[in-house]
Amino acid sequence: MQLVSTRWLENQRQRVTTEADLKISFLQVWDDSLPSNTVLTDNGSAPHGVTRAIKANRKTVPPRYVTFEQNIWVLDGSGVVLPENGGLETGFISEALGDEEGEFDTPPEVTIGFATTNGLRLKNVVIEWDRAFGDYAVTFDVVGLLRGEEVFTQHVAFNTTPISSVTIGQRLCDTLVVQVHKWSLPYRRVRLDSLTVTHSLTYDKHRITKFEHYQEVDPLSASLPKSGARFSID
């Protein structure tokens, strides 16, 4: 329970209360899609890569398209030949191949611009790498920018799973850059299928147009009273 002052309690008992400094915060907002107007770019993708098709919380696994990368074209019938008419939803596939150690001279990167004036206060970033083949980035960075200035860099090493969760810690940024330094297998391209962000939202009295408390009590029920609040924003 949040402790309040005696003065605040006395004010709330009045028929007409004085102006209060009201803020409503949601500490973790998880979107089913990337924020509207998000711009996705890269520093070099393969012809069959579609960076703009990166989704949040992708529900389906992309097909196992066969290409001339090491051990990708396995003659067991599990691969799918790339269609000639396009229509791919592959996500980011880097133009560059890793070397014998899975490392890159120039790290492949994906840039996510949120197209917002004030930025987003990010808490967490969840990256799904190559779910079709189960490959992943072993070493990578998540860099946050605000108005072109770097505000944080989260370095991840020794990753061993196709899904990576990176904690940001409520840092404000308007652009994210994912840079891959080492891939899990040699002579493979980086693949990034899905990227989901969680962020926090705060509304102050300048945006809240209506606010009310309510309490529901059933004298015939053994359940505890239910208290809550309703509010509207502009």
Protein backbone atom coordinates (compact mmCIF):
# COMPACT_ATOMS: atom_id res chain seq x y z
CA MET A 1 0.00 0.00 0.00
CA GLN A 2 1.22 3.49 -0.87
CA LEU A 3 1.53 5.70 2.23
CA VAL A 4 -0.05 9.17 1.96
CA SER A 5 0.12 12.25 4.14
CA THR A 6 -2.57 13.44 6.55
CA ARG A 7 -2.92 16.60 4.50
CA TRP A 8 -3.69 14.57 1.39
CA LEU A 9 -6.32 12.53 3.25
CA GLU A 10 -8.01 15.68 4.57
CA ASN A 11 -8.05 17.15 1.08
CA GLN A 12 -9.71 14.00 -0.34
CA ARG A 13 -12.51 14.23 2.23
CA GLN A 14 -13.58 17.62 0.89
CA ARG A 15 -16.49 17.90 -1.52
CA VAL A 16 -14.29 19.86 -3.90
CA THR A 17 -10.60 19.03 -3.69
CA THR A 18 -7.68 21.28 -4.56
CA GLU A 19 -5.51 20.63 -7.61
CA ALA A 20 -3.24 17.60 -7.24
CA ASP A 21 -0.07 16.56 -9.03
CA LEU A 22 -1.40 13.41 -10.67
CA LYS A 23 0.71 10.90 -12.60
CA ILE A 24 -0.23 7.47 -13.91
CA SER A 25 2.60 5.16 -14.91
CA PHE A 26 2.67 1.80 -16.67
CA LEU A 27 6.08 0.31 -15.94
CA GLN A 28 6.06 -2.37 -18.63
CA VAL A 29 4.04 -2.07 -21.84
CA TRP A 30 4.41 -5.04 -24.19
CA ASP A 31 3.18 -4.35 -27.71
CA ASP A 32 1.95 -7.06 -30.08
CA SER A 33 3.53 -5.05 -32.88
CA LEU A 34 6.38 -2.60 -33.24
CA PRO A 35 5.32 1.01 -32.53
CA SER A 36 3.59 2.74 -35.43
CA ASN A 37 5.82 4.51 -37.97
CA THR A 38 8.80 2.36 -36.97
CA VAL A 39 11.49 2.50 -39.68
CA LEU A 40 13.64 -0.62 -40.22
CA THR A 41 16.92 -0.35 -42.12
CA ASP A 42 20.18 -2.32 -42.39
CA ASN A 43 23.77 -1.95 -43.59
CA GLY A 44 23.55 -4.62 -46.29
CA SER A 45 21.07 -7.44 -46.82
CA ALA A 46 20.93 -10.46 -49.10
CA PRO A 47 18.55 -10.35 -52.12
CA HIS A 48 16.13 -12.69 -50.32
CA GLY A 49 16.24 -10.70 -47.08
CA VAL A 50 13.29 -8.42 -46.26
CA THR A 51 14.29 -6.27 -43.30
CA ARG A 52 11.00 -4.37 -43.28
CA ALA A 53 9.25 -7.70 -42.62
CA ILE A 54 10.76 -7.97 -39.12
CA LYS A 55 7.82 -8.32 -36.77
CA ALA A 56 7.17 -8.23 -33.05
CA ASN A 57 5.98 -11.46 -31.43
CA ARG A 58 6.13 -13.31 -34.74
CA LYS A 59 3.67 -16.19 -34.50
CA THR A 60 4.93 -18.29 -37.41
CA VAL A 61 8.38 -19.69 -38.18
CA PRO A 62 9.73 -18.61 -41.61
CA PRO A 63 10.24 -21.42 -44.15
CA ARG A 64 13.65 -23.08 -44.35
CA TYR A 65 14.69 -21.46 -47.64
CA VAL A 66 17.76 -23.19 -49.07
CA THR A 67 20.77 -21.10 -50.10
CA PHE A 68 24.43 -21.77 -50.83
CA GLU A 69 25.60 -21.35 -47.26
CA GLN A 70 27.47 -24.03 -45.38
CA ASN A 71 25.15 -26.96 -44.54
CA ILE A 72 21.99 -25.02 -45.46
CA TRP A 73 21.12 -26.99 -48.61
CA VAL A 74 20.63 -30.40 -47.02
CA LEU A 75 19.32 -33.02 -49.47
CA ASP A 76 16.62 -34.40 -47.20
CA GLY A 77 13.59 -32.59 -48.63
CA SER A 78 13.24 -30.23 -45.66
CA GLY A 79 14.33 -27.11 -47.55
CA VAL A 80 12.21 -24.76 -49.65
CA VAL A 81 13.47 -23.25 -52.92
CA LEU A 82 13.31 -19.46 -52.97
CA PRO A 83 10.29 -18.30 -55.01
CA GLU A 84 10.93 -16.26 -58.13
CA ASN A 85 7.99 -13.91 -57.69
CA GLY A 86 9.01 -12.43 -54.34
CA GLY A 87 6.45 -12.19 -51.56
CA LEU A 88 9.00 -13.23 -48.94
CA GLU A 89 8.57 -12.55 -45.21
CA THR A 90 12.06 -13.57 -44.20
CA GLY A 91 13.12 -10.65 -41.99
CA PHE A 92 16.72 -9.46 -42.00
CA ILE A 93 19.30 -11.66 -43.76
CA SER A 94 22.75 -10.16 -43.98
CA GLU A 95 24.63 -9.82 -47.24
CA ALA A 96 27.89 -10.72 -45.50
CA LEU A 97 28.89 -14.27 -44.57
CA GLY A 98 30.75 -15.02 -41.37
CA ASP A 99 34.27 -16.42 -41.57
CA GLU A 100 35.49 -19.79 -40.27
CA GLU A 101 34.88 -18.55 -36.71
CA GLY A 102 31.49 -17.03 -37.52
CA GLU A 103 32.90 -13.51 -37.17
CA PHE A 104 32.52 -10.51 -39.49
CA ASP A 105 34.92 -7.82 -40.69
CA THR A 106 32.01 -5.35 -40.70
CA PRO A 107 29.31 -6.31 -38.20
CA PRO A 108 25.89 -6.72 -39.86
CA GLU A 109 23.40 -4.42 -38.22
CA VAL A 110 19.72 -3.59 -38.15
CA THR A 111 18.54 -0.10 -37.20
CA ILE A 112 15.10 0.41 -35.68
CA GLY A 113 13.92 4.03 -35.72
CA PHE A 114 10.81 4.68 -33.63
CA ALA A 115 9.90 7.97 -35.37
CA THR A 116 8.96 9.67 -32.10
CA THR A 117 9.91 13.17 -30.96
CA ASN A 118 10.50 12.36 -27.31
CA GLY A 119 11.70 8.75 -27.65
CA LEU A 120 10.59 5.63 -25.81
CA ARG A 121 11.68 4.65 -22.32
CA LEU A 122 12.69 1.07 -23.07
CA LYS A 123 12.87 -1.67 -20.46
CA ASN A 124 13.59 -4.79 -22.46
CA VAL A 125 14.33 -5.96 -26.01
CA VAL A 126 13.57 -9.52 -27.13
CA ILE A 127 15.33 -10.64 -30.32
CA GLU A 128 14.42 -13.82 -32.17
CA TRP A 129 17.24 -14.80 -34.50
CA ASP A 130 17.03 -17.64 -37.06
CA ARG A 131 14.12 -19.74 -35.85
CA ALA A 132 13.95 -21.73 -39.09
CA PHE A 133 17.42 -23.27 -38.66
CA GLY A 134 17.96 -22.55 -34.95
CA ASP A 135 21.03 -20.34 -35.49
CA TYR A 136 21.76 -17.27 -33.35
CA ALA A 137 24.17 -14.47 -32.59
CA VAL A 138 26.83 -15.46 -30.06
CA THR A 139 28.21 -11.95 -29.57
CA PHE A 140 26.22 -8.81 -30.31
CA ASP A 141 25.50 -5.26 -29.15
CA VAL A 142 22.24 -3.39 -28.67
CA VAL A 143 22.92 0.34 -28.99
CA GLY A 144 20.41 3.05 -28.08
CA LEU A 145 20.46 6.52 -29.62
CA LEU A 146 18.53 9.68 -28.78
CA ARG A 147 18.61 12.45 -31.38
CA GLY A 148 21.70 10.90 -32.89
CA GLU A 149 23.65 10.67 -29.62
CA GLU A 150 24.52 7.29 -28.10
CA VAL A 151 22.86 6.85 -24.72
CA PHE A 152 23.64 3.21 -23.95
CA THR A 153 25.29 0.05 -25.28
CA GLN A 154 24.36 -3.39 -24.01
CA HIS A 155 27.05 -5.91 -24.94
CA VAL A 156 26.05 -9.59 -25.00
CA ALA A 157 28.60 -12.40 -25.25
CA PHE A 158 28.38 -16.21 -25.09
CA ASN A 159 24.71 -16.31 -26.09
CA THR A 160 23.55 -19.90 -26.75
CA THR A 161 19.85 -19.58 -27.70
CA PRO A 162 17.84 -18.41 -30.75
CA ILE A 163 15.88 -16.01 -28.50
CA SER A 164 17.79 -13.26 -26.68
CA SER A 165 16.30 -11.02 -24.00
CA VAL A 166 18.29 -7.84 -23.32
CA THR A 167 17.49 -5.64 -20.32
CA ILE A 168 17.76 -1.93 -21.06
CA GLY A 169 16.72 -0.49 -17.70
CA GLN A 170 14.25 2.25 -18.69
CA ARG A 171 16.67 4.16 -20.90
CA LEU A 172 15.16 6.80 -23.17
CA CYS A 173 15.96 6.45 -26.89
CA ASP A 174 14.41 6.96 -30.32
CA THR A 175 16.64 4.52 -32.23
CA LEU A 176 17.95 1.01 -31.58
CA VAL A 177 20.85 -0.57 -33.45
CA VAL A 178 21.50 -4.32 -33.25
CA GLN A 179 25.09 -5.18 -34.27
CA VAL A 180 26.19 -8.80 -34.65
CA HIS A 181 29.88 -9.59 -34.15
CA LYS A 182 29.84 -13.40 -34.08
CA TRP A 183 27.34 -15.96 -35.40
CA SER A 184 26.80 -19.46 -34.02
CA LEU A 185 27.99 -21.27 -37.17
CA PRO A 186 30.72 -20.45 -39.73
CA TYR A 187 30.02 -19.31 -43.28
CA ARG A 188 26.43 -18.36 -42.49
CA ARG A 189 24.45 -15.15 -42.86
CA VAL A 190 22.95 -13.33 -39.90
CA ARG A 191 19.19 -13.77 -39.70
CA LEU A 192 16.87 -11.73 -37.48
CA ASP A 193 13.21 -12.75 -37.63
CA SER A 194 11.51 -10.84 -34.83
CA LEU A 195 12.15 -7.97 -32.44
CA THR A 196 9.87 -6.99 -29.55
CA VAL A 197 10.34 -4.06 -27.18
CA THR A 198 8.78 -3.32 -23.81
CA HIS A 199 8.64 0.25 -22.60
CA SER A 200 7.09 2.37 -19.87
CA LEU A 201 4.43 5.08 -20.22
CA THR A 202 3.64 7.97 -17.88
CA TYR A 203 0.65 10.31 -18.16
CA ASP A 204 0.62 13.53 -16.10
CA LYS A 205 -2.19 15.98 -15.36
CA HIS A 206 -1.65 17.75 -18.68
CA ARG A 207 -2.81 14.62 -20.56
CA ILE A 208 -5.31 13.17 -18.07
CA THR A 209 -8.73 14.68 -18.77
CA LYS A 210 -10.77 12.63 -16.30
CA PHE A 211 -9.94 10.62 -13.21
CA GLU A 212 -12.16 8.90 -10.62
CA HIS A 213 -11.89 6.34 -7.86
CA TYR A 214 -14.48 3.62 -7.42
CA GLN A 215 -15.19 0.84 -4.96
CA GLU A 216 -17.46 -2.16 -5.42
CA VAL A 217 -18.87 -3.81 -2.30
CA ASP A 218 -21.36 -6.71 -2.21
CA PRO A 219 -22.81 -7.05 1.31
CA LEU A 220 -24.15 -10.51 0.45
CA SER A 221 -20.82 -11.83 -0.73
CA ALA A 222 -17.87 -13.03 1.31
CA SER A 223 -15.42 -11.56 -1.21
CA LEU A 224 -13.35 -8.51 -0.36
CA PRO A 225 -14.32 -5.06 -1.68
CA LYS A 226 -12.81 -4.13 -5.03
CA SER A 227 -11.22 -0.71 -5.44
CA GLY A 228 -9.93 0.84 -8.61
CA ALA A 229 -9.59 3.94 -10.74
CA ARG A 230 -10.80 5.05 -14.14
CA PHE A 231 -9.15 7.74 -16.24
CA SER A 232 -9.27 9.25 -19.71
CA ILE A 233 -6.48 10.86 -21.69
CA ASP A 234 -6.51 13.31 -24.55
